[in-house]
Amino acid sequence: HEEVGELSTLIQRIRKEFDLTILLVEHHMQLVMSLCENVTVLD
């Protein structure tokens, strides 16, 4: 849980400082919902 929080902070920093588009494929919904502007759900 702690590492996921650190990862979230890192991804946010990378996105901002590197001015990157990030495509995230992830099952950890809290991470997805906290990071993503647009979400596509597959079943």
All heavy atoms as atom14 arrays in JSON, in Angstrom:
{
  "sequence": "HEEVGELSTLIQRIRKEFDLTILLVEHHMQLVMSLCENVTVLD",
  "atom14_mask": [
    [1, 1, 1, 1, 1, 1, 1, 1, 1, 1, 0, 0, 0, 0],
    [1, 1, 1, 1, 1, 1, 1, 1, 1, 0, 0, 0, 0, 0],
    [1, 1, 1, 1, 1, 1, 1, 1, 1, 0, 0, 0, 0, 0],
    [1, 1, 1, 1, 1, 1, 1, 0, 0, 0, 0, 0, 0, 0],
    [1, 1, 1, 1, 0, 0, 0, 0, 0, 0, 0, 0, 0, 0],
    [1, 1, 1, 1, 1, 1, 1, 1, 1, 0, 0, 0, 0, 0],
    [1, 1, 1, 1, 1, 1, 1, 1, 0, 0, 0, 0, 0, 0],
    [1, 1, 1, 1, 1, 1, 0, 0, 0, 0, 0, 0, 0, 0],
    [1, 1, 1, 1, 1, 1, 1, 0, 0, 0, 0, 0, 0, 0],
    [1, 1, 1, 1, 1, 1, 1, 1, 0, 0, 0, 0, 0, 0],
    [1, 1, 1, 1, 1, 1, 1, 1, 0, 0, 0, 0, 0, 0],
    [1, 1, 1, 1, 1, 1, 1, 1, 1, 0, 0, 0, 0, 0],
    [1, 1, 1, 1, 1, 1, 1, 1, 1, 1, 1, 0, 0, 0],
    [1, 1, 1, 1, 1, 1, 1, 1, 0, 0, 0, 0, 0, 0],
    [1, 1, 1, 1, 1, 1, 1, 1, 1, 1, 1, 0, 0, 0],
    [1, 1, 1, 1, 1, 1, 1, 1, 1, 0, 0, 0, 0, 0],
    [1, 1, 1, 1, 1, 1, 1, 1, 1, 0, 0, 0, 0, 0],
    [1, 1, 1, 1, 1, 1, 1, 1, 1, 1, 1, 0, 0, 0],
    [1, 1, 1, 1, 1, 1, 1, 1, 0, 0, 0, 0, 0, 0],
    [1, 1, 1, 1, 1, 1, 1, 1, 0, 0, 0, 0, 0, 0],
    [1, 1, 1, 1, 1, 1, 1, 0, 0, 0, 0, 0, 0, 0],
    [1, 1, 1, 1, 1, 1, 1, 1, 0, 0, 0, 0, 0, 0],
    [1, 1, 1, 1, 1, 1, 1, 1, 0, 0, 0, 0, 0, 0],
    [1, 1, 1, 1, 1, 1, 1, 1, 0, 0, 0, 0, 0, 0],
    [1, 1, 1, 1, 1, 1, 1, 0, 0, 0, 0, 0, 0, 0],
    [1, 1, 1, 1, 1, 1, 1, 1, 1, 0, 0, 0, 0, 0],
    [1, 1, 1, 1, 1, 1, 1, 1, 1, 1, 0, 0, 0, 0],
    [1, 1, 1, 1, 1, 1, 1, 1, 1, 1, 0, 0, 0, 0],
    [1, 1, 1, 1, 1, 1, 1, 1, 0, 0, 0, 0, 0, 0],
    [1, 1, 1, 1, 1, 1, 1, 1, 1, 0, 0, 0, 0, 0],
    [1, 1, 1, 1, 1, 1, 1, 1, 0, 0, 0, 0, 0, 0],
    [1, 1, 1, 1, 1, 1, 1, 0, 0, 0, 0, 0, 0, 0],
    [1, 1, 1, 1, 1, 1, 1, 1, 0, 0, 0, 0, 0, 0],
    [1, 1, 1, 1, 1, 1, 0, 0, 0, 0, 0, 0, 0, 0],
    [1, 1, 1, 1, 1, 1, 1, 1, 0, 0, 0, 0, 0, 0],
    [1, 1, 1, 1, 1, 1, 0, 0, 0, 0, 0, 0, 0, 0],
    [1, 1, 1, 1, 1, 1, 1, 1, 1, 0, 0, 0, 0, 0],
    [1, 1, 1, 1, 1, 1, 1, 1, 0, 0, 0, 0, 0, 0],
    [1, 1, 1, 1, 1, 1, 1, 0, 0, 0, 0, 0, 0, 0],
    [1, 1, 1, 1, 1, 1, 1, 0, 0, 0, 0, 0, 0, 0],
    [1, 1, 1, 1, 1, 1, 1, 0, 0, 0, 0, 0, 0, 0],
    [1, 1, 1, 1, 1, 1, 1, 1, 0, 0, 0, 0, 0, 0],
    [1, 1, 1, 1, 1, 1, 1, 1, 0, 0, 0, 0, 0, 0]
  ],
  "atom14_positions": [
    [[0.83, -1.2, 0.0], [0.0, 0.0, 0.0], [0.87, 1.26, 0.0], [0.62, 2.21, -0.74], [-0.95, -0.02, 1.21], [-1.88, 1.13, 1.26], [-2.93, 1.28, 0.38], [-1.9, 2.22, 2.07], [-3.57, 2.41, 0.65], [-2.96, 2.99, 1.68], [0.0, 0.0, 0.0], [0.0, 0.0, 0.0], [0.0, 0.0, 0.0], [0.0, 0.0, 0.0]],
    [[1.9, 1.26, 0.84], [2.81, 2.4, 0.92], [3.54, 2.61, -0.4], [3.69, 3.74, -0.87], [3.81, 2.19, 2.05], [4.79, 3.34, 2.21], [5.78, 3.1, 3.34], [5.37, 2.63, 4.41], [6.97, 3.4, 3.12], [0.0, 0.0, 0.0], [0.0, 0.0, 0.0], [0.0, 0.0, 0.0], [0.0, 0.0, 0.0], [0.0, 0.0, 0.0]],
    [[4.0, 1.52, -1.01], [4.72, 1.63, -2.28], [3.8, 2.14, -3.39], [4.25, 2.89, -4.27], [5.32, 0.28, -2.67], [6.47, -0.15, -1.8], [6.91, -1.58, -2.04], [6.05, -2.45, -2.29], [8.13, -1.84, -1.97], [0.0, 0.0, 0.0], [0.0, 0.0, 0.0], [0.0, 0.0, 0.0], [0.0, 0.0, 0.0], [0.0, 0.0, 0.0]],
    [[2.52, 1.76, -3.37], [1.58, 2.26, -4.37], [1.42, 3.77, -4.22], [1.38, 4.5, -5.23], [0.21, 1.54, -4.28], [-0.82, 2.21, -5.17], [0.35, 0.07, -4.65], [0.0, 0.0, 0.0], [0.0, 0.0, 0.0], [0.0, 0.0, 0.0], [0.0, 0.0, 0.0], [0.0, 0.0, 0.0], [0.0, 0.0, 0.0], [0.0, 0.0, 0.0]],
    [[1.36, 4.26, -3.0], [1.29, 5.7, -2.77], [2.51, 6.42, -3.32], [2.4, 7.48, -3.95], [0.0, 0.0, 0.0], [0.0, 0.0, 0.0], [0.0, 0.0, 0.0], [0.0, 0.0, 0.0], [0.0, 0.0, 0.0], [0.0, 0.0, 0.0], [0.0, 0.0, 0.0], [0.0, 0.0, 0.0], [0.0, 0.0, 0.0], [0.0, 0.0, 0.0]],
    [[3.68, 5.85, -3.08], [4.92, 6.43, -3.61], [4.93, 6.4, -5.13], [5.37, 7.36, -5.78], [6.13, 5.68, -3.05], [6.34, 5.87, -1.56], [7.35, 4.92, -0.97], [7.95, 4.11, -1.71], [7.54, 4.97, 0.27], [0.0, 0.0, 0.0], [0.0, 0.0, 0.0], [0.0, 0.0, 0.0], [0.0, 0.0, 0.0], [0.0, 0.0, 0.0]],
    [[4.44, 5.31, -5.7], [4.36, 5.18, -7.16], [3.44, 6.25, -7.74], [3.75, 6.87, -8.75], [3.87, 3.79, -7.55], [3.67, 3.55, -9.04], [4.99, 3.61, -9.8], [2.97, 2.21, -9.27], [0.0, 0.0, 0.0], [0.0, 0.0, 0.0], [0.0, 0.0, 0.0], [0.0, 0.0, 0.0], [0.0, 0.0, 0.0], [0.0, 0.0, 0.0]],
    [[2.31, 6.48, -7.1], [1.37, 7.49, -7.56], [2.03, 8.86, -7.6], [1.92, 9.6, -8.59], [0.14, 7.51, -6.65], [-0.74, 8.53, -7.05], [0.0, 0.0, 0.0], [0.0, 0.0, 0.0], [0.0, 0.0, 0.0], [0.0, 0.0, 0.0], [0.0, 0.0, 0.0], [0.0, 0.0, 0.0], [0.0, 0.0, 0.0], [0.0, 0.0, 0.0]],
    [[2.73, 9.2, -6.54], [3.43, 10.49, -6.47], [4.49, 10.57, -7.57], [4.62, 11.6, -8.24], [4.08, 10.67, -5.08], [3.05, 10.62, -4.09], [4.83, 11.98, -4.98], [0.0, 0.0, 0.0], [0.0, 0.0, 0.0], [0.0, 0.0, 0.0], [0.0, 0.0, 0.0], [0.0, 0.0, 0.0], [0.0, 0.0, 0.0], [0.0, 0.0, 0.0]],
    [[5.21, 9.49, -7.77], [6.25, 9.45, -8.8], [5.65, 9.64, -10.19], [6.16, 10.42, -11.0], [7.02, 8.13, -8.72], [8.08, 7.91, -9.82], [9.16, 8.98, -9.76], [8.66, 6.51, -9.7], [0.0, 0.0, 0.0], [0.0, 0.0, 0.0], [0.0, 0.0, 0.0], [0.0, 0.0, 0.0], [0.0, 0.0, 0.0], [0.0, 0.0, 0.0]],
    [[4.58, 8.93, -10.49], [3.96, 9.04, -11.82], [3.45, 10.46, -12.06], [3.62, 11.01, -13.15], [2.84, 8.0, -11.99], [3.43, 6.59, -12.02], [2.04, 8.27, -13.27], [2.39, 5.47, -11.96], [0.0, 0.0, 0.0], [0.0, 0.0, 0.0], [0.0, 0.0, 0.0], [0.0, 0.0, 0.0], [0.0, 0.0, 0.0], [0.0, 0.0, 0.0]],
    [[2.85, 11.06, -11.05], [2.38, 12.44, -11.18], [3.54, 13.38, -11.47], [3.45, 14.27, -12.33], [1.64, 12.89, -9.92], [0.31, 12.23, -9.74], [-0.32, 12.53, -8.38], [0.28, 13.15, -7.52], [-1.54, 12.06, -8.19], [0.0, 0.0, 0.0], [0.0, 0.0, 0.0], [0.0, 0.0, 0.0], [0.0, 0.0, 0.0], [0.0, 0.0, 0.0]],
    [[4.65, 13.19, -10.77], [5.84, 14.02, -10.96], [6.42, 13.83, -12.36], [6.75, 14.8, -13.04], [6.87, 13.68, -9.89], [7.97, 14.71, -9.76], [8.87, 14.4, -8.6], [10.01, 13.67, -9.12], [10.65, 12.7, -8.52], [10.27, 12.27, -7.35], [11.69, 12.12, -9.08], [0.0, 0.0, 0.0], [0.0, 0.0, 0.0], [0.0, 0.0, 0.0]],
    [[6.5, 12.58, -12.8], [7.04, 12.29, -14.13], [6.17, 12.93, -15.2], [6.68, 13.55, -16.14], [7.14, 10.76, -14.35], [8.26, 10.18, -13.5], [7.33, 10.43, -15.83], [8.29, 8.67, -13.46], [0.0, 0.0, 0.0], [0.0, 0.0, 0.0], [0.0, 0.0, 0.0], [0.0, 0.0, 0.0], [0.0, 0.0, 0.0], [0.0, 0.0, 0.0]],
    [[4.86, 12.78, -15.06], [3.94, 13.35, -16.06], [4.15, 14.86, -16.19], [4.21, 15.4, -17.29], [2.5, 13.02, -15.69], [1.5, 13.57, -16.7], [0.09, 13.13, -16.41], [-0.31, 13.51, -15.06], [-1.39, 13.03, -14.46], [-2.17, 12.16, -15.06], [-1.7, 13.42, -13.26], [0.0, 0.0, 0.0], [0.0, 0.0, 0.0], [0.0, 0.0, 0.0]],
    [[4.26, 15.51, -15.05], [4.4, 16.97, -15.05], [5.78, 17.41, -15.53], [5.9, 18.25, -16.43], [4.15, 17.51, -13.64], [4.28, 19.0, -13.53], [4.02, 19.46, -12.1], [4.24, 20.96, -11.99], [4.17, 21.39, -10.61], [0.0, 0.0, 0.0], [0.0, 0.0, 0.0], [0.0, 0.0, 0.0], [0.0, 0.0, 0.0], [0.0, 0.0, 0.0]],
    [[6.83, 16.85, -14.97], [8.18, 17.33, -15.24], [8.72, 16.9, -16.6], [9.55, 17.58, -17.18], [9.13, 16.9, -14.12], [8.79, 17.59, -12.81], [9.64, 17.16, -11.64], [10.69, 16.5, -11.85], [9.27, 17.48, -10.5], [0.0, 0.0, 0.0], [0.0, 0.0, 0.0], [0.0, 0.0, 0.0], [0.0, 0.0, 0.0], [0.0, 0.0, 0.0]],
    [[8.25, 15.76, -17.12], [8.7, 15.3, -18.43], [7.69, 15.65, -19.51], [7.91, 15.36, -20.68], [8.94, 13.78, -18.42], [10.19, 13.37, -17.71], [10.24, 13.32, -16.33], [11.33, 13.04, -18.42], [11.39, 12.94, -15.66], [12.49, 12.65, -17.77], [12.52, 12.6, -16.38], [0.0, 0.0, 0.0], [0.0, 0.0, 0.0], [0.0, 0.0, 0.0]],
    [[6.56, 16.24, -19.13], [5.5, 16.61, -20.05], [5.13, 15.42, -20.94], [5.14, 15.5, -22.17], [5.91, 17.81, -20.9], [4.74, 18.4, -21.67], [3.58, 18.28, -21.19], [4.96, 18.97, -22.74], [0.0, 0.0, 0.0], [0.0, 0.0, 0.0], [0.0, 0.0, 0.0], [0.0, 0.0, 0.0], [0.0, 0.0, 0.0], [0.0, 0.0, 0.0]],
    [[4.81, 14.31, -20.29], [4.52, 13.06, -20.99], [3.04, 12.72, -20.98], [2.33, 13.03, -20.02], [5.23, 11.89, -20.29], [6.71, 11.73, -20.49], [7.23, 10.6, -19.63], [7.03, 11.47, -21.93], [0.0, 0.0, 0.0], [0.0, 0.0, 0.0], [0.0, 0.0, 0.0], [0.0, 0.0, 0.0], [0.0, 0.0, 0.0], [0.0, 0.0, 0.0]],
    [[2.63, 12.06, -22.03], [1.35, 11.36, -22.01], [1.64, 9.99, -21.43], [2.6, 9.33, -21.83], [0.78, 11.23, -23.43], [0.53, 12.54, -23.94], [-0.5, 10.41, -23.44], [0.0, 0.0, 0.0], [0.0, 0.0, 0.0], [0.0, 0.0, 0.0], [0.0, 0.0, 0.0], [0.0, 0.0, 0.0], [0.0, 0.0, 0.0], [0.0, 0.0, 0.0]],
    [[0.83, 9.56, -20.49], [1.03, 8.25, -19.87], [-0.2, 7.4, -20.1], [-1.32, 7.82, -19.82], [1.32, 8.4, -18.36], [2.61, 9.19, -18.15], [1.41, 7.02, -17.69], [2.96, 9.47, -16.71], [0.0, 0.0, 0.0], [0.0, 0.0, 0.0], [0.0, 0.0, 0.0], [0.0, 0.0, 0.0], [0.0, 0.0, 0.0], [0.0, 0.0, 0.0]],
    [[0.04, 6.21, -20.62], [-1.03, 5.22, -20.79], [-0.81, 4.18, -19.69], [0.23, 3.52, -19.64], [-0.95, 4.57, -22.17], [-1.95, 3.44, -22.44], [-3.37, 3.96, -22.34], [-1.69, 2.83, -23.79], [0.0, 0.0, 0.0], [0.0, 0.0, 0.0], [0.0, 0.0, 0.0], [0.0, 0.0, 0.0], [0.0, 0.0, 0.0], [0.0, 0.0, 0.0]],
    [[-1.78, 4.1, -18.81], [-1.67, 3.24, -17.63], [-2.64, 2.07, -17.77], [-3.84, 2.28, -17.92], [-2.01, 4.06, -16.38], [-2.03, 3.36, -15.04], [-0.62, 2.91, -14.66], [-2.58, 4.3, -13.97], [0.0, 0.0, 0.0], [0.0, 0.0, 0.0], [0.0, 0.0, 0.0], [0.0, 0.0, 0.0], [0.0, 0.0, 0.0], [0.0, 0.0, 0.0]],
    [[-2.12, 0.87, -17.74], [-2.94, -0.34, -17.71], [-2.8, -0.86, -16.29], [-1.7, -1.21, -15.86], [-2.44, -1.39, -18.73], [-3.26, -2.67, -18.62], [-2.46, -0.83, -20.14], [0.0, 0.0, 0.0], [0.0, 0.0, 0.0], [0.0, 0.0, 0.0], [0.0, 0.0, 0.0], [0.0, 0.0, 0.0], [0.0, 0.0, 0.0], [0.0, 0.0, 0.0]],
    [[-3.92, -0.88, -15.55], [-3.79, -1.17, -14.12], [-5.09, -1.71, -13.55], [-6.18, -1.3, -13.96], [-3.39, 0.12, -13.4], [-3.14, -0.03, -11.93], [-2.06, -1.02, -11.59], [-0.88, -0.77, -11.88], [-2.4, -2.09, -11.03], [0.0, 0.0, 0.0], [0.0, 0.0, 0.0], [0.0, 0.0, 0.0], [0.0, 0.0, 0.0], [0.0, 0.0, 0.0]],
    [[-4.97, -2.63, -12.58], [-6.13, -3.16, -11.86], [-6.32, -2.47, -10.52], [-7.35, -2.65, -9.89], [-5.96, -4.66, -11.63], [-6.11, -5.45, -12.87], [-5.04, -5.83, -13.64], [-7.21, -5.93, -13.5], [-5.47, -6.52, -14.68], [-6.78, -6.58, -14.62], [0.0, 0.0, 0.0], [0.0, 0.0, 0.0], [0.0, 0.0, 0.0], [0.0, 0.0, 0.0]],
    [[-5.34, -1.73, -10.06], [-5.42, -1.05, -8.77], [-6.26, 0.21, -8.96], [-5.78, 1.25, -9.4], [-4.01, -0.71, -8.28], [-3.95, -0.29, -6.85], [-4.43, 0.92, -6.41], [-3.48, -0.93, -5.76], [-4.25, 1.01, -5.11], [-3.67, -0.1, -4.7], [0.0, 0.0, 0.0], [0.0, 0.0, 0.0], [0.0, 0.0, 0.0], [0.0, 0.0, 0.0]],
    [[-7.55, 0.1, -8.62], [-8.49, 1.17, -8.94], [-8.23, 2.48, -8.23], [-8.43, 3.54, -8.8], [-9.93, 0.71, -8.67], [-10.44, -0.32, -9.67], [-10.41, 0.29, -11.37], [-8.92, -0.44, -12.01], [0.0, 0.0, 0.0], [0.0, 0.0, 0.0], [0.0, 0.0, 0.0], [0.0, 0.0, 0.0], [0.0, 0.0, 0.0], [0.0, 0.0, 0.0]],
    [[-7.75, 2.44, -7.01], [-7.45, 3.68, -6.3], [-6.35, 4.45, -7.04], [-6.43, 5.66, -7.19], [-7.03, 3.39, -4.86], [-6.8, 4.66, -4.06], [-6.45, 4.37, -2.61], [-6.43, 3.22, -2.18], [-6.17, 5.41, -1.86], [0.0, 0.0, 0.0], [0.0, 0.0, 0.0], [0.0, 0.0, 0.0], [0.0, 0.0, 0.0], [0.0, 0.0, 0.0]],
    [[-5.35, 3.74, -7.52], [-4.28, 4.37, -8.29], [-4.83, 4.96, -9.58], [-4.56, 6.11, -9.92], [-3.16, 3.36, -8.59], [-1.99, 3.89, -9.42], [-1.22, 4.96, -8.64], [-1.07, 2.75, -9.81], [0.0, 0.0, 0.0], [0.0, 0.0, 0.0], [0.0, 0.0, 0.0], [0.0, 0.0, 0.0], [0.0, 0.0, 0.0], [0.0, 0.0, 0.0]],
    [[-5.62, 4.19, -10.3], [-6.21, 4.65, -11.56], [-7.04, 5.91, -11.34], [-6.89, 6.91, -12.04], [-7.07, 3.55, -12.21], [-7.87, 4.09, -13.38], [-6.21, 2.37, -12.65], [0.0, 0.0, 0.0], [0.0, 0.0, 0.0], [0.0, 0.0, 0.0], [0.0, 0.0, 0.0], [0.0, 0.0, 0.0], [0.0, 0.0, 0.0], [0.0, 0.0, 0.0]],
    [[-7.91, 5.86, -10.36], [-8.82, 6.98, -10.14], [-8.11, 8.23, -9.64], [-8.55, 9.34, -9.89], [-9.94, 6.59, -9.17], [-10.82, 5.47, -9.7], [-11.54, 5.87, -11.31], [-12.2, 4.3, -11.79], [0.0, 0.0, 0.0], [0.0, 0.0, 0.0], [0.0, 0.0, 0.0], [0.0, 0.0, 0.0], [0.0, 0.0, 0.0], [0.0, 0.0, 0.0]],
    [[-6.98, 8.06, -8.98], [-6.25, 9.23, -8.47], [-5.34, 9.85, -9.53], [-5.01, 11.03, -9.44], [-5.41, 8.85, -7.24], [-4.34, 8.01, -7.6], [0.0, 0.0, 0.0], [0.0, 0.0, 0.0], [0.0, 0.0, 0.0], [0.0, 0.0, 0.0], [0.0, 0.0, 0.0], [0.0, 0.0, 0.0], [0.0, 0.0, 0.0], [0.0, 0.0, 0.0]],
    [[-4.95, 9.07, -10.54], [-4.01, 9.56, -11.54], [-4.62, 9.98, -12.87], [-4.15, 10.9, -13.52], [-2.97, 8.47, -11.87], [-1.89, 8.19, -10.87], [-1.03, 7.03, -11.35], [-1.03, 9.42, -10.64], [0.0, 0.0, 0.0], [0.0, 0.0, 0.0], [0.0, 0.0, 0.0], [0.0, 0.0, 0.0], [0.0, 0.0, 0.0], [0.0, 0.0, 0.0]],
    [[-5.65, 9.28, -13.28], [-6.1, 9.38, -14.67], [-7.14, 10.46, -14.9], [-8.04, 10.66, -14.08], [-6.66, 8.03, -15.12], [-5.4, 6.74, -15.08], [0.0, 0.0, 0.0], [0.0, 0.0, 0.0], [0.0, 0.0, 0.0], [0.0, 0.0, 0.0], [0.0, 0.0, 0.0], [0.0, 0.0, 0.0], [0.0, 0.0, 0.0], [0.0, 0.0, 0.0]],
    [[-7.02, 11.12, -16.03], [-8.01, 12.1, -16.46], [-9.12, 11.41, -17.23], [-10.27, 11.81, -17.17], [-7.35, 13.16, -17.35], [-6.31, 13.98, -16.62], [-5.49, 14.84, -17.56], [-5.81, 14.9, -18.77], [-4.53, 15.46, -17.08], [0.0, 0.0, 0.0], [0.0, 0.0, 0.0], [0.0, 0.0, 0.0], [0.0, 0.0, 0.0], [0.0, 0.0, 0.0]],
    [[-8.75, 10.39, -17.99], [-9.69, 9.6, -18.77], [-9.47, 8.12, -18.47], [-8.33, 7.68, -18.4], [-9.49, 9.83, -20.28], [-9.74, 11.27, -20.66], [-10.84, 11.76, -20.51], [-8.71, 11.95, -21.12], [0.0, 0.0, 0.0], [0.0, 0.0, 0.0], [0.0, 0.0, 0.0], [0.0, 0.0, 0.0], [0.0, 0.0, 0.0], [0.0, 0.0, 0.0]],
    [[-10.56, 7.4, -18.29], [-10.49, 5.98, -17.96], [-11.32, 5.2, -18.96], [-12.45, 5.6, -19.28], [-11.03, 5.73, -16.52], [-11.01, 4.25, -16.19], [-10.24, 6.53, -15.5], [0.0, 0.0, 0.0], [0.0, 0.0, 0.0], [0.0, 0.0, 0.0], [0.0, 0.0, 0.0], [0.0, 0.0, 0.0], [0.0, 0.0, 0.0], [0.0, 0.0, 0.0]],
    [[-10.77, 4.1, -19.43], [-11.51, 3.16, -20.27], [-11.52, 1.83, -19.53], [-10.47, 1.36, -19.09], [-10.87, 3.0, -21.65], [-10.86, 4.27, -22.31], [-11.62, 2.0, -22.51], [0.0, 0.0, 0.0], [0.0, 0.0, 0.0], [0.0, 0.0, 0.0], [0.0, 0.0, 0.0], [0.0, 0.0, 0.0], [0.0, 0.0, 0.0], [0.0, 0.0, 0.0]],
    [[-12.7, 1.23, -19.39], [-12.84, -0.02, -18.65], [-13.15, -1.14, -19.63], [-14.05, -1.02, -20.46], [-13.96, 0.09, -17.59], [-14.1, -1.23, -16.83], [-13.69, 1.24, -16.64], [0.0, 0.0, 0.0], [0.0, 0.0, 0.0], [0.0, 0.0, 0.0], [0.0, 0.0, 0.0], [0.0, 0.0, 0.0], [0.0, 0.0, 0.0], [0.0, 0.0, 0.0]],
    [[-12.39, -2.23, -19.49], [-12.62, -3.43, -20.28], [-13.14, -4.54, -19.38], [-12.73, -4.66, -18.23], [-11.32, -3.89, -20.94], [-10.59, -2.9, -21.84], [-9.3, -3.53, -22.36], [-11.47, -2.46, -22.98], [0.0, 0.0, 0.0], [0.0, 0.0, 0.0], [0.0, 0.0, 0.0], [0.0, 0.0, 0.0], [0.0, 0.0, 0.0], [0.0, 0.0, 0.0]],
    [[-14.01, -5.34, -19.93], [-14.5, -6.53, -19.24], [-14.32, -7.68, -20.22], [-14.99, -7.73, -21.25], [-15.97, -6.34, -18.85], [-16.51, -7.52, -18.04], [-15.72, -8.15, -17.31], [-17.72, -7.8, -18.15], [0.0, 0.0, 0.0], [0.0, 0.0, 0.0], [0.0, 0.0, 0.0], [0.0, 0.0, 0.0], [0.0, 0.0, 0.0], [0.0, 0.0, 0.0]]
  ]
}
